[in-house]
Amino acid sequence: MTKWEYLTAPLLVHNTKQILDNFGADGWELVQVVPGPNNPEQLVAYFKREKQ
């Protein structure tokens, strides 16, 4: 059975591509982007990758 680890990170709108590329290079797969809990304009990205 595959085991996963998860990560949440703020997603800065002015630097989105670089942030996503950096996480992707480390093996993280973007699962979802949602508005932040305290500020809907602040985005939160959820990532997952197979646990080693």
PDB file of N, CA and C in Angstrom:
ATOM      1  N   MET A   1       0.832  -1.178   0.000  1.00  0.00           N
ATOM      2  CA  MET A   1       0.000   0.000   0.000  1.00  0.00           C
ATOM      3  C   MET A   1       0.883   1.250   0.000  1.00  0.00           C
ATOM      4  N   THR A   2       0.552   2.205  -0.851  1.00  0.00           N
ATOM      5  CA  THR A   2       1.323   3.444  -0.930  1.00  0.00           C
ATOM      6  C   THR A   2       1.028   4.321   0.268  1.00  0.00           C
ATOM      7  N   LYS A   3       2.083   4.869   0.854  1.00  0.00           N
ATOM      8  CA  LYS A   3       1.933   5.816   1.967  1.00  0.00           C
ATOM      9  C   LYS A   3       2.349   7.191   1.462  1.00  0.00           C
ATOM     10  N   TRP A   4       1.620   8.210   1.901  1.00  0.00           N
ATOM     11  CA  TRP A   4       1.838   9.574   1.436  1.00  0.00           C
ATOM     12  C   TRP A   4       2.220  10.477   2.593  1.00  0.00           C
ATOM     13  N   GLU A   5       2.962  11.521   2.267  1.00  0.00           N
ATOM     14  CA  GLU A   5       3.172  12.610   3.211  1.00  0.00           C
ATOM     15  C   GLU A   5       2.614  13.872   2.565  1.00  0.00           C
ATOM     16  N   TYR A   6       2.201  14.806   3.399  1.00  0.00           N
ATOM     17  CA  TYR A   6       1.504  15.992   2.912  1.00  0.00           C
ATOM     18  C   TYR A   6       2.173  17.254   3.412  1.00  0.00           C
ATOM     19  N   LEU A   7       1.959  18.330   2.661  1.00  0.00           N
ATOM     20  CA  LEU A   7       2.557  19.625   2.993  1.00  0.00           C
ATOM     21  C   LEU A   7       1.578  20.718   2.616  1.00  0.00           C
ATOM     22  N   THR A   8       1.448  21.728   3.460  1.00  0.00           N
ATOM     23  CA  THR A   8       0.699  22.931   3.104  1.00  0.00           C
ATOM     24  C   THR A   8       1.680  24.093   3.078  1.00  0.00           C
ATOM     25  N   ALA A   9       1.459  25.011   2.140  1.00  0.00           N
ATOM     26  CA  ALA A   9       2.363  26.151   2.014  1.00  0.00           C
ATOM     27  C   ALA A   9       1.596  27.347   1.481  1.00  0.00           C
ATOM     28  N   PRO A  10       1.926  28.555   1.967  1.00  0.00           N
ATOM     29  CA  PRO A  10       1.311  29.748   1.385  1.00  0.00           C
ATOM     30  C   PRO A  10       1.784  29.903  -0.052  1.00  0.00           C
ATOM     31  N   LEU A  11       0.904  30.375  -0.894  1.00  0.00           N
ATOM     32  CA  LEU A  11       1.225  30.538  -2.307  1.00  0.00           C
ATOM     33  C   LEU A  11       1.173  32.024  -2.632  1.00  0.00           C
ATOM     34  N   LEU A  12       2.324  32.619  -2.844  1.00  0.00           N
ATOM     35  CA  LEU A  12       2.404  34.050  -3.134  1.00  0.00           C
ATOM     36  C   LEU A  12       2.068  34.282  -4.598  1.00  0.00           C
ATOM     37  N   VAL A  13       1.049  35.057  -4.844  1.00  0.00           N
ATOM     38  CA  VAL A  13       0.528  35.245  -6.198  1.00  0.00           C
ATOM     39  C   VAL A  13       1.596  35.814  -7.136  1.00  0.00           C
ATOM     40  N   HIS A  14       2.453  36.689  -6.656  1.00  0.00           N
ATOM     41  CA  HIS A  14       3.461  37.309  -7.517  1.00  0.00           C
ATOM     42  C   HIS A  14       4.620  36.359  -7.842  1.00  0.00           C
ATOM     43  N   ASN A  15       4.673  35.181  -7.198  1.00  0.00           N
ATOM     44  CA  ASN A  15       5.806  34.269  -7.391  1.00  0.00           C
ATOM     45  C   ASN A  15       5.334  32.822  -7.540  1.00  0.00           C
ATOM     46  N   THR A  16       4.125  32.628  -8.042  1.00  0.00           N
ATOM     47  CA  THR A  16       3.491  31.309  -8.079  1.00  0.00           C
ATOM     48  C   THR A  16       4.309  30.269  -8.836  1.00  0.00           C
ATOM     49  N   LYS A  17       4.753  30.578 -10.035  1.00  0.00           N
ATOM     50  CA  LYS A  17       5.467  29.592 -10.856  1.00  0.00           C
ATOM     51  C   LYS A  17       6.733  29.100 -10.175  1.00  0.00           C
ATOM     52  N   GLN A  18       7.526  30.001  -9.632  1.00  0.00           N
ATOM     53  CA  GLN A  18       8.771  29.594  -8.983  1.00  0.00           C
ATOM     54  C   GLN A  18       8.490  28.716  -7.758  1.00  0.00           C
ATOM     55  N   ILE A  19       7.483  29.079  -6.975  1.00  0.00           N
ATOM     56  CA  ILE A  19       7.134  28.287  -5.790  1.00  0.00           C
ATOM     57  C   ILE A  19       6.722  26.878  -6.201  1.00  0.00           C
ATOM     58  N   LEU A  20       5.830  26.772  -7.188  1.00  0.00           N
ATOM     59  CA  LEU A  20       5.362  25.455  -7.637  1.00  0.00           C
ATOM     60  C   LEU A  20       6.494  24.649  -8.265  1.00  0.00           C
ATOM     61  N   ASP A  21       7.351  25.301  -9.044  1.00  0.00           N
ATOM     62  CA  ASP A  21       8.496  24.602  -9.648  1.00  0.00           C
ATOM     63  C   ASP A  21       9.435  24.058  -8.570  1.00  0.00           C
ATOM     64  N   ASN A  22       9.682  24.833  -7.516  1.00  0.00           N
ATOM     65  CA  ASN A  22      10.575  24.381  -6.445  1.00  0.00           C
ATOM     66  C   ASN A  22      10.019  23.159  -5.731  1.00  0.00           C
ATOM     67  N   PHE A  23       8.726  23.193  -5.386  1.00  0.00           N
ATOM     68  CA  PHE A  23       8.131  22.033  -4.727  1.00  0.00           C
ATOM     69  C   PHE A  23       8.108  20.829  -5.664  1.00  0.00           C
ATOM     70  N   GLY A  24       7.794  21.059  -6.932  1.00  0.00           N
ATOM     71  CA  GLY A  24       7.784  19.970  -7.908  1.00  0.00           C
ATOM     72  C   GLY A  24       9.154  19.326  -8.058  1.00  0.00           C
ATOM     73  N   ALA A  25      10.212  20.137  -8.027  1.00  0.00           N
ATOM     74  CA  ALA A  25      11.577  19.609  -8.143  1.00  0.00           C
ATOM     75  C   ALA A  25      11.926  18.725  -6.946  1.00  0.00           C
ATOM     76  N   ASP A  26      11.275  18.965  -5.815  1.00  0.00           N
ATOM     77  CA  ASP A  26      11.505  18.153  -4.615  1.00  0.00           C
ATOM     78  C   ASP A  26      10.562  16.952  -4.543  1.00  0.00           C
ATOM     79  N   GLY A  27       9.794  16.725  -5.609  1.00  0.00           N
ATOM     80  CA  GLY A  27       8.928  15.550  -5.668  1.00  0.00           C
ATOM     81  C   GLY A  27       7.512  15.764  -5.179  1.00  0.00           C
ATOM     82  N   TRP A  28       7.144  16.999  -4.833  1.00  0.00           N
ATOM     83  CA  TRP A  28       5.796  17.281  -4.348  1.00  0.00           C
ATOM     84  C   TRP A  28       4.843  17.471  -5.515  1.00  0.00           C
ATOM     85  N   GLU A  29       3.663  16.903  -5.406  1.00  0.00           N
ATOM     86  CA  GLU A  29       2.610  17.046  -6.406  1.00  0.00           C
ATOM     87  C   GLU A  29       1.531  17.967  -5.831  1.00  0.00           C
ATOM     88  N   LEU A  30       1.156  18.984  -6.607  1.00  0.00           N
ATOM     89  CA  LEU A  30       0.114  19.902  -6.173  1.00  0.00           C
ATOM     90  C   LEU A  30      -1.230  19.187  -6.197  1.00  0.00           C
ATOM     91  N   VAL A  31      -1.946  19.240  -5.076  1.00  0.00           N
ATOM     92  CA  VAL A  31      -3.247  18.589  -4.968  1.00  0.00           C
ATOM     93  C   VAL A  31      -4.364  19.617  -5.104  1.00  0.00           C
ATOM     94  N   GLN A  32      -4.219  20.758  -4.411  1.00  0.00           N
ATOM     95  CA  GLN A  32      -5.295  21.735  -4.397  1.00  0.00           C
ATOM     96  C   GLN A  32      -4.770  23.080  -3.942  1.00  0.00           C
ATOM     97  N   VAL A  33      -5.415  24.144  -4.413  1.00  0.00           N
ATOM     98  CA  VAL A  33      -5.146  25.498  -3.936  1.00  0.00           C
ATOM     99  C   VAL A  33      -6.466  26.055  -3.419  1.00  0.00           C
ATOM    100  N   VAL A  34      -6.448  26.580  -2.194  1.00  0.00           N
ATOM    101  CA  VAL A  34      -7.664  27.119  -1.581  1.00  0.00           C
ATOM    102  C   VAL A  34      -7.372  28.486  -0.964  1.00  0.00           C
ATOM    103  N   PRO A  35      -8.408  29.305  -0.779  1.00  0.00           N
ATOM    104  CA  PRO A  35      -8.211  30.583  -0.084  1.00  0.00           C
ATOM    105  C   PRO A  35      -7.782  30.348   1.360  1.00  0.00           C
ATOM    106  N   GLY A  36      -6.978  31.250   1.876  1.00  0.00           N
ATOM    107  CA  GLY A  36      -6.527  31.146   3.263  1.00  0.00           C
ATOM    108  C   GLY A  36      -7.667  31.317   4.249  1.00  0.00           C
ATOM    109  N   PRO A  37      -7.516  30.793   5.455  1.00  0.00           N
ATOM    110  CA  PRO A  37      -8.599  30.840   6.439  1.00  0.00           C
ATOM    111  C   PRO A  37      -8.915  32.247   6.948  1.00  0.00           C
ATOM    112  N   ASN A  38      -7.914  33.114   7.012  1.00  0.00           N
ATOM    113  CA  ASN A  38      -8.124  34.456   7.556  1.00  0.00           C
ATOM    114  C   ASN A  38      -8.219  35.531   6.484  1.00  0.00           C
ATOM    115  N   ASN A  39      -7.761  35.200   5.278  1.00  0.00           N
ATOM    116  CA  ASN A  39      -7.753  36.175   4.192  1.00  0.00           C
ATOM    117  C   ASN A  39      -7.959  35.434   2.878  1.00  0.00           C
ATOM    118  N   PRO A  40      -9.130  35.550   2.265  1.00  0.00           N
ATOM    119  CA  PRO A  40      -9.404  34.813   1.029  1.00  0.00           C
ATOM    120  C   PRO A  40      -8.473  35.175  -0.126  1.00  0.00           C
ATOM    121  N   GLU A  41      -7.792  36.314  -0.027  1.00  0.00           N
ATOM    122  CA  GLU A  41      -6.858  36.692  -1.089  1.00  0.00           C
ATOM    123  C   GLU A  41      -5.508  35.987  -0.928  1.00  0.00           C
ATOM    124  N   GLN A  42      -5.230  35.469   0.255  1.00  0.00           N
ATOM    125  CA  GLN A  42      -4.019  34.685   0.491  1.00  0.00           C
ATOM    126  C   GLN A  42      -4.322  33.230   0.154  1.00  0.00           C
ATOM    127  N   LEU A  43      -3.579  32.642  -0.748  1.00  0.00           N
ATOM    128  CA  LEU A  43      -3.835  31.262  -1.167  1.00  0.00           C
ATOM    129  C   LEU A  43      -2.964  30.289  -0.389  1.00  0.00           C
ATOM    130  N   VAL A  44      -3.495  29.100  -0.166  1.00  0.00           N
ATOM    131  CA  VAL A  44      -2.760  28.018   0.490  1.00  0.00           C
ATOM    132  C   VAL A  44      -2.729  26.838  -0.472  1.00  0.00           C
ATOM    133  N   ALA A  45      -1.545  26.306  -0.714  1.00  0.00           N
ATOM    134  CA  ALA A  45      -1.369  25.156  -1.611  1.00  0.00           C
ATOM    135  C   ALA A  45      -1.174  23.889  -0.779  1.00  0.00           C
ATOM    136  N   TYR A  46      -1.827  22.824  -1.211  1.00  0.00           N
ATOM    137  CA  TYR A  46      -1.702  21.514  -0.570  1.00  0.00           C
ATOM    138  C   TYR A  46      -0.956  20.593  -1.527  1.00  0.00           C
ATOM    139  N   PHE A  47       0.080  19.941  -1.023  1.00  0.00           N
ATOM    140  CA  PHE A  47       0.916  19.056  -1.819  1.00  0.00           C
ATOM    141  C   PHE A  47       0.954  17.666  -1.190  1.00  0.00           C
ATOM    142  N   LYS A  48       1.310  16.669  -2.020  1.00  0.00           N
ATOM    143  CA  LYS A  48       1.544  15.333  -1.503  1.00  0.00           C
ATOM    144  C   LYS A  48       2.700  14.707  -2.270  1.00  0.00           C
ATOM    145  N   ARG A  49       3.350  13.745  -1.642  1.00  0.00           N
ATOM    146  CA  ARG A  49       4.365  12.928  -2.319  1.00  0.00           C
ATOM    147  C   ARG A  49       4.440  11.592  -1.605  1.00  0.00           C
ATOM    148  N   GLU A  50       4.932  10.607  -2.334  1.00  0.00           N
ATOM    149  CA  GLU A  50       5.043   9.275  -1.762  1.00  0.00           C
ATOM    150  C   GLU A  50       6.068   9.299  -0.630  1.00  0.00           C
ATOM    151  N   LYS A  51       5.695   8.705   0.476  1.00  0.00           N
ATOM    152  CA  LYS A  51       6.583   8.668   1.643  1.00  0.00           C
ATOM    153  C   LYS A  51       7.715   7.678   1.372  1.00  0.00           C
ATOM    154  N   GLN A  52       8.925   8.104   1.666  1.00  0.00           N
ATOM    155  CA  GLN A  52      10.114   7.256   1.437  1.00  0.00           C
ATOM    156  C   GLN A  52      10.369   6.346   2.595  1.00  0.00           C
TER     157      GLN A  52
END
